[in-house]
Amino acid sequence: MGAVTRADALAALGLEEGFPPEALREAHRREAKRWHPDACKDPDAEARFKRVQGAYELLRDAPEPPVER
């Protein structure tokens, strides 16, 4: 599995570039709850949950990209 890009992370959490800071936490909680392996019986739940966790960590720790004008 390759490195997760910012675009992949945004897609995993259902966010768009320029999201407000509080939206990151809300999106993470929503998607983590949705895909948690104990709550979701989908066979891909664990992989999706890990994707959501990785996306949150990447976006939380990464500086915002420069604004194009």
PDB file of N, CA and C in Angstrom:
ATOM      1  N   MET A   1       0.852  -1.178   0.000  1.00  0.00           N
ATOM      2  CA  MET A   1       0.000   0.000   0.000  1.00  0.00           C
ATOM      3  C   MET A   1       0.889   1.230   0.000  1.00  0.00           C
ATOM      4  N   GLY A   2       0.600   2.177  -0.885  1.00  0.00           N
ATOM      5  CA  GLY A   2       1.420   3.370  -1.018  1.00  0.00           C
ATOM      6  C   GLY A   2       1.081   4.431   0.012  1.00  0.00           C
ATOM      7  N   ALA A   3       1.811   5.513  -0.085  1.00  0.00           N
ATOM      8  CA  ALA A   3       1.590   6.632   0.831  1.00  0.00           C
ATOM      9  C   ALA A   3       0.227   7.273   0.564  1.00  0.00           C
ATOM     10  N   VAL A   4      -0.394   7.719   1.622  1.00  0.00           N
ATOM     11  CA  VAL A   4      -1.693   8.379   1.514  1.00  0.00           C
ATOM     12  C   VAL A   4      -1.455   9.838   1.135  1.00  0.00           C
ATOM     13  N   THR A   5      -2.156  10.292   0.109  1.00  0.00           N
ATOM     14  CA  THR A   5      -2.045  11.685  -0.294  1.00  0.00           C
ATOM     15  C   THR A   5      -3.086  12.521   0.448  1.00  0.00           C
ATOM     16  N   ARG A   6      -2.898  13.812   0.406  1.00  0.00           N
ATOM     17  CA  ARG A   6      -3.865  14.720   1.033  1.00  0.00           C
ATOM     18  C   ARG A   6      -5.241  14.538   0.394  1.00  0.00           C
ATOM     19  N   ALA A   7      -5.279  14.364  -0.921  1.00  0.00           N
ATOM     20  CA  ALA A   7      -6.555  14.173  -1.621  1.00  0.00           C
ATOM     21  C   ALA A   7      -7.249  12.893  -1.158  1.00  0.00           C
ATOM     22  N   ASP A   8      -6.478  11.814  -0.961  1.00  0.00           N
ATOM     23  CA  ASP A   8      -7.044  10.558  -0.461  1.00  0.00           C
ATOM     24  C   ASP A   8      -7.607  10.743   0.946  1.00  0.00           C
ATOM     25  N   ALA A   9      -6.856  11.469   1.771  1.00  0.00           N
ATOM     26  CA  ALA A   9      -7.290  11.709   3.150  1.00  0.00           C
ATOM     27  C   ALA A   9      -8.581  12.521   3.182  1.00  0.00           C
ATOM     28  N   LEU A  10      -8.658  13.542   2.355  1.00  0.00           N
ATOM     29  CA  LEU A  10      -9.877  14.356   2.295  1.00  0.00           C
ATOM     30  C   LEU A  10     -11.067  13.502   1.860  1.00  0.00           C
ATOM     31  N   ALA A  11     -10.854  12.656   0.857  1.00  0.00           N
ATOM     32  CA  ALA A  11     -11.930  11.793   0.360  1.00  0.00           C
ATOM     33  C   ALA A  11     -12.379  10.797   1.427  1.00  0.00           C
ATOM     34  N   ALA A  12     -11.428  10.238   2.174  1.00  0.00           N
ATOM     35  CA  ALA A  12     -11.765   9.252   3.211  1.00  0.00           C
ATOM     36  C   ALA A  12     -12.662   9.851   4.285  1.00  0.00           C
ATOM     37  N   LEU A  13     -12.496  11.149   4.536  1.00  0.00           N
ATOM     38  CA  LEU A  13     -13.282  11.807   5.580  1.00  0.00           C
ATOM     39  C   LEU A  13     -14.439  12.625   5.019  1.00  0.00           C
ATOM     40  N   GLY A  14     -14.582  12.643   3.698  1.00  0.00           N
ATOM     41  CA  GLY A  14     -15.682  13.385   3.088  1.00  0.00           C
ATOM     42  C   GLY A  14     -15.530  14.888   3.211  1.00  0.00           C
ATOM     43  N   LEU A  15     -14.285  15.366   3.193  1.00  0.00           N
ATOM     44  CA  LEU A  15     -14.012  16.801   3.320  1.00  0.00           C
ATOM     45  C   LEU A  15     -13.514  17.369   2.002  1.00  0.00           C
ATOM     46  N   GLU A  16     -13.595  18.672   1.881  1.00  0.00           N
ATOM     47  CA  GLU A  16     -13.048  19.382   0.728  1.00  0.00           C
ATOM     48  C   GLU A  16     -11.946  20.301   1.215  1.00  0.00           C
ATOM     49  N   GLU A  17     -11.035  20.634   0.316  1.00  0.00           N
ATOM     50  CA  GLU A  17      -9.930  21.533   0.650  1.00  0.00           C
ATOM     51  C   GLU A  17     -10.493  22.823   1.229  1.00  0.00           C
ATOM     52  N   GLY A  18      -9.826  23.355   2.236  1.00  0.00           N
ATOM     53  CA  GLY A  18     -10.262  24.598   2.865  1.00  0.00           C
ATOM     54  C   GLY A  18     -11.283  24.393   3.971  1.00  0.00           C
ATOM     55  N   PHE A  19     -11.423  23.165   4.448  1.00  0.00           N
ATOM     56  CA  PHE A  19     -12.393  22.870   5.503  1.00  0.00           C
ATOM     57  C   PHE A  19     -12.028  23.613   6.792  1.00  0.00           C
ATOM     58  N   PRO A  20     -13.022  24.008   7.594  1.00  0.00           N
ATOM     59  CA  PRO A  20     -12.732  24.639   8.888  1.00  0.00           C
ATOM     60  C   PRO A  20     -12.183  23.586   9.860  1.00  0.00           C
ATOM     61  N   PRO A  21     -11.355  23.989  10.814  1.00  0.00           N
ATOM     62  CA  PRO A  21     -10.725  23.033  11.736  1.00  0.00           C
ATOM     63  C   PRO A  21     -11.703  22.119  12.477  1.00  0.00           C
ATOM     64  N   GLU A  22     -12.832  22.640  12.892  1.00  0.00           N
ATOM     65  CA  GLU A  22     -13.786  21.806  13.630  1.00  0.00           C
ATOM     66  C   GLU A  22     -14.397  20.722  12.747  1.00  0.00           C
ATOM     67  N   ALA A  23     -14.425  20.933  11.440  1.00  0.00           N
ATOM     68  CA  ALA A  23     -14.981  19.938  10.524  1.00  0.00           C
ATOM     69  C   ALA A  23     -14.136  18.672  10.489  1.00  0.00           C
ATOM     70  N   LEU A  24     -12.833  18.796  10.689  1.00  0.00           N
ATOM     71  CA  LEU A  24     -11.956  17.628  10.696  1.00  0.00           C
ATOM     72  C   LEU A  24     -12.336  16.688  11.832  1.00  0.00           C
ATOM     73  N   ARG A  25     -12.477  17.223  13.021  1.00  0.00           N
ATOM     74  CA  ARG A  25     -12.832  16.393  14.176  1.00  0.00           C
ATOM     75  C   ARG A  25     -14.217  15.759  13.988  1.00  0.00           C
ATOM     76  N   GLU A  26     -15.176  16.537  13.507  1.00  0.00           N
ATOM     77  CA  GLU A  26     -16.531  16.016  13.294  1.00  0.00           C
ATOM     78  C   GLU A  26     -16.540  14.900  12.252  1.00  0.00           C
ATOM     79  N   ALA A  27     -15.819  15.113  11.150  1.00  0.00           N
ATOM     80  CA  ALA A  27     -15.769  14.110  10.084  1.00  0.00           C
ATOM     81  C   ALA A  27     -15.090  12.833  10.582  1.00  0.00           C
ATOM     82  N   HIS A  28     -14.025  13.002  11.353  1.00  0.00           N
ATOM     83  CA  HIS A  28     -13.320  11.829  11.890  1.00  0.00           C
ATOM     84  C   HIS A  28     -14.233  11.020  12.800  1.00  0.00           C
ATOM     85  N   ARG A  29     -14.901  11.679  13.705  1.00  0.00           N
ATOM     86  CA  ARG A  29     -15.793  10.967  14.632  1.00  0.00           C
ATOM     87  C   ARG A  29     -16.908  10.247  13.874  1.00  0.00           C
ATOM     88  N   ARG A  30     -17.493  10.925  12.897  1.00  0.00           N
ATOM     89  CA  ARG A  30     -18.585  10.335  12.113  1.00  0.00           C
ATOM     90  C   ARG A  30     -18.113   9.081  11.371  1.00  0.00           C
ATOM     91  N   GLU A  31     -17.002   9.187  10.660  1.00  0.00           N
ATOM     92  CA  GLU A  31     -16.523   8.066   9.854  1.00  0.00           C
ATOM     93  C   GLU A  31     -15.933   6.948  10.713  1.00  0.00           C
ATOM     94  N   ALA A  32     -15.269   7.292  11.812  1.00  0.00           N
ATOM     95  CA  ALA A  32     -14.729   6.261  12.701  1.00  0.00           C
ATOM     96  C   ALA A  32     -15.865   5.452  13.321  1.00  0.00           C
ATOM     97  N   LYS A  33     -16.909   6.125  13.707  1.00  0.00           N
ATOM     98  CA  LYS A  33     -18.068   5.442  14.279  1.00  0.00           C
ATOM     99  C   LYS A  33     -18.736   4.552  13.223  1.00  0.00           C
ATOM    100  N   ARG A  34     -18.815   5.062  12.015  1.00  0.00           N
ATOM    101  CA  ARG A  34     -19.446   4.318  10.918  1.00  0.00           C
ATOM    102  C   ARG A  34     -18.683   3.040  10.586  1.00  0.00           C
ATOM    103  N   TRP A  35     -17.350   3.093  10.560  1.00  0.00           N
ATOM    104  CA  TRP A  35     -16.532   1.970  10.100  1.00  0.00           C
ATOM    105  C   TRP A  35     -15.855   1.191  11.211  1.00  0.00           C
ATOM    106  N   HIS A  36     -16.142   1.478  12.474  1.00  0.00           N
ATOM    107  CA  HIS A  36     -15.490   0.740  13.556  1.00  0.00           C
ATOM    108  C   HIS A  36     -15.840  -0.748  13.430  1.00  0.00           C
ATOM    109  N   PRO A  37     -14.826  -1.617  13.442  1.00  0.00           N
ATOM    110  CA  PRO A  37     -15.066  -3.054  13.234  1.00  0.00           C
ATOM    111  C   PRO A  37     -16.026  -3.686  14.246  1.00  0.00           C
ATOM    112  N   ASP A  38     -16.133  -3.138  15.437  1.00  0.00           N
ATOM    113  CA  ASP A  38     -17.065  -3.683  16.427  1.00  0.00           C
ATOM    114  C   ASP A  38     -18.511  -3.310  16.120  1.00  0.00           C
ATOM    115  N   ALA A  39     -18.714  -2.251  15.347  1.00  0.00           N
ATOM    116  CA  ALA A  39     -20.064  -1.782  15.057  1.00  0.00           C
ATOM    117  C   ALA A  39     -20.514  -2.086  13.631  1.00  0.00           C
ATOM    118  N   CYS A  40     -19.568  -2.301  12.738  1.00  0.00           N
ATOM    119  CA  CYS A  40     -19.889  -2.512  11.327  1.00  0.00           C
ATOM    120  C   CYS A  40     -19.510  -3.938  10.932  1.00  0.00           C
ATOM    121  N   LYS A  41     -20.417  -4.627  10.323  1.00  0.00           N
ATOM    122  CA  LYS A  41     -20.173  -6.023   9.948  1.00  0.00           C
ATOM    123  C   LYS A  41     -19.673  -6.172   8.504  1.00  0.00           C
ATOM    124  N   ASP A  42     -19.426  -5.067   7.826  1.00  0.00           N
ATOM    125  CA  ASP A  42     -18.876  -5.096   6.476  1.00  0.00           C
ATOM    126  C   ASP A  42     -17.505  -5.770   6.519  1.00  0.00           C
ATOM    127  N   PRO A  43     -17.194  -6.656   5.585  1.00  0.00           N
ATOM    128  CA  PRO A  43     -15.890  -7.325   5.597  1.00  0.00           C
ATOM    129  C   PRO A  43     -14.708  -6.364   5.448  1.00  0.00           C
ATOM    130  N   ASP A  44     -14.934  -5.198   4.881  1.00  0.00           N
ATOM    131  CA  ASP A  44     -13.872  -4.205   4.696  1.00  0.00           C
ATOM    132  C   ASP A  44     -13.820  -3.179   5.830  1.00  0.00           C
ATOM    133  N   ALA A  45     -14.593  -3.384   6.884  1.00  0.00           N
ATOM    134  CA  ALA A  45     -14.702  -2.385   7.947  1.00  0.00           C
ATOM    135  C   ALA A  45     -13.354  -2.067   8.591  1.00  0.00           C
ATOM    136  N   GLU A  46     -12.561  -3.072   8.886  1.00  0.00           N
ATOM    137  CA  GLU A  46     -11.287  -2.812   9.557  1.00  0.00           C
ATOM    138  C   GLU A  46     -10.359  -1.987   8.674  1.00  0.00           C
ATOM    139  N   ALA A  47     -10.277  -2.320   7.388  1.00  0.00           N
ATOM    140  CA  ALA A  47      -9.421  -1.572   6.463  1.00  0.00           C
ATOM    141  C   ALA A  47      -9.911  -0.138   6.312  1.00  0.00           C
ATOM    142  N   ARG A  48     -11.212   0.042   6.224  1.00  0.00           N
ATOM    143  CA  ARG A  48     -11.763   1.391   6.089  1.00  0.00           C
ATOM    144  C   ARG A  48     -11.551   2.207   7.365  1.00  0.00           C
ATOM    145  N   PHE A  49     -11.695   1.554   8.511  1.00  0.00           N
ATOM    146  CA  PHE A  49     -11.464   2.229   9.782  1.00  0.00           C
ATOM    147  C   PHE A  49     -10.013   2.703   9.867  1.00  0.00           C
ATOM    148  N   LYS A  50      -9.090   1.854   9.481  1.00  0.00           N
ATOM    149  CA  LYS A  50      -7.674   2.230   9.492  1.00  0.00           C
ATOM    150  C   LYS A  50      -7.404   3.368   8.510  1.00  0.00           C
ATOM    151  N   ARG A  51      -8.085   3.357   7.365  1.00  0.00           N
ATOM    152  CA  ARG A  51      -7.941   4.436   6.387  1.00  0.00           C
ATOM    153  C   ARG A  51      -8.413   5.760   6.981  1.00  0.00           C
ATOM    154  N   VAL A  52      -9.540   5.727   7.687  1.00  0.00           N
ATOM    155  CA  VAL A  52     -10.081   6.921   8.338  1.00  0.00           C
ATOM    156  C   VAL A  52      -9.105   7.430   9.401  1.00  0.00           C
ATOM    157  N   GLN A  53      -8.550   6.518  10.191  1.00  0.00           N
ATOM    158  CA  GLN A  53      -7.596   6.913  11.234  1.00  0.00           C
ATOM    159  C   GLN A  53      -6.358   7.563  10.607  1.00  0.00           C
ATOM    160  N   GLY A  54      -5.824   6.952   9.562  1.00  0.00           N
ATOM    161  CA  GLY A  54      -4.647   7.485   8.894  1.00  0.00           C
ATOM    162  C   GLY A  54      -4.916   8.840   8.263  1.00  0.00           C
ATOM    163  N   ALA A  55      -6.099   8.987   7.677  1.00  0.00           N
ATOM    164  CA  ALA A  55      -6.471  10.255   7.056  1.00  0.00           C
ATOM    165  C   ALA A  55      -6.549  11.361   8.107  1.00  0.00           C
ATOM    166  N   TYR A  56      -7.150  11.059   9.236  1.00  0.00           N
ATOM    167  CA  TYR A  56      -7.258  12.040  10.311  1.00  0.00           C
ATOM    168  C   TYR A  56      -5.877  12.467  10.795  1.00  0.00           C
ATOM    169  N   GLU A  57      -5.007  11.502  11.020  1.00  0.00           N
ATOM    170  CA  GLU A  57      -3.661  11.817  11.503  1.00  0.00           C
ATOM    171  C   GLU A  57      -2.897  12.668  10.493  1.00  0.00           C
ATOM    172  N   LEU A  58      -3.015  12.336   9.218  1.00  0.00           N
ATOM    173  CA  LEU A  58      -2.319  13.109   8.193  1.00  0.00           C
ATOM    174  C   LEU A  58      -2.817  14.551   8.159  1.00  0.00           C
ATOM    175  N   LEU A  59      -4.135  14.731   8.147  1.00  0.00           N
ATOM    176  CA  LEU A  59      -4.694  16.082   8.057  1.00  0.00           C
ATOM    177  C   LEU A  59      -4.509  16.871   9.349  1.00  0.00           C
ATOM    178  N   ARG A  60      -4.529  16.201  10.469  1.00  0.00           N
ATOM    179  CA  ARG A  60      -4.342  16.873  11.760  1.00  0.00           C
ATOM    180  C   ARG A  60      -2.920  17.409  11.892  1.00  0.00           C
ATOM    181  N   ASP A  61      -1.954  16.630  11.434  1.00  0.00           N
ATOM    182  CA  ASP A  61      -0.549  16.974  11.619  1.00  0.00           C
ATOM    183  C   ASP A  61       0.049  17.785  10.484  1.00  0.00           C
ATOM    184  N   ALA A  62      -0.584  17.773   9.320  1.00  0.00           N
ATOM    185  CA  ALA A  62      -0.013  18.442   8.144  1.00  0.00           C
ATOM    186  C   ALA A  62      -0.403  19.916   8.107  1.00  0.00           C
ATOM    187  N   PRO A  63       0.528  20.761   7.709  1.00  0.00           N
ATOM    188  CA  PRO A  63       0.157  22.177   7.529  1.00  0.00           C
ATOM    189  C   PRO A  63      -0.770  22.297   6.329  1.00  0.00           C
ATOM    190  N   GLU A  64      -1.565  23.351   6.340  1.00  0.00           N
ATOM    191  CA  GLU A  64      -2.445  23.581   5.204  1.00  0.00           C
ATOM    192  C   GLU A  64      -1.632  23.919   3.967  1.00  0.00           C
ATOM    193  N   PRO A  65      -2.082  23.467   2.803  1.00  0.00           N
ATOM    194  CA  PRO A  65      -1.363  23.797   1.578  1.00  0.00           C
ATOM    195  C   PRO A  65      -1.493  25.299   1.278  1.00  0.00           C
ATOM    196  N   PRO A  66      -0.567  25.848   0.524  1.00  0.00           N
ATOM    197  CA  PRO A  66      -0.668  27.274   0.209  1.00  0.00           C
ATOM    198  C   PRO A  66      -1.908  27.574  -0.624  1.00  0.00           C
ATOM    199  N   VAL A  67      -2.464  28.748  -0.410  1.00  0.00           N
ATOM    200  CA  VAL A  67      -3.663  29.158  -1.147  1.00  0.00           C
ATOM    201  C   VAL A  67      -3.216  29.710  -2.491  1.00  0.00           C
ATOM    202  N   GLU A  68      -3.838  29.177  -3.554  1.00  0.00           N
ATOM    203  CA  GLU A  68      -3.506  29.680  -4.893  1.00  0.00           C
ATOM    204  C   GLU A  68      -4.347  30.901  -5.188  1.00  0.00           C
ATOM    205  N   ARG A  69      -3.717  31.905  -5.776  1.00  0.00           N
ATOM    206  CA  ARG A  69      -4.444  33.132  -6.121  1.00  0.00           C
ATOM    207  C   ARG A  69      -4.362  33.397  -7.573  1.00  0.00           C
TER     208      ARG A  69
END
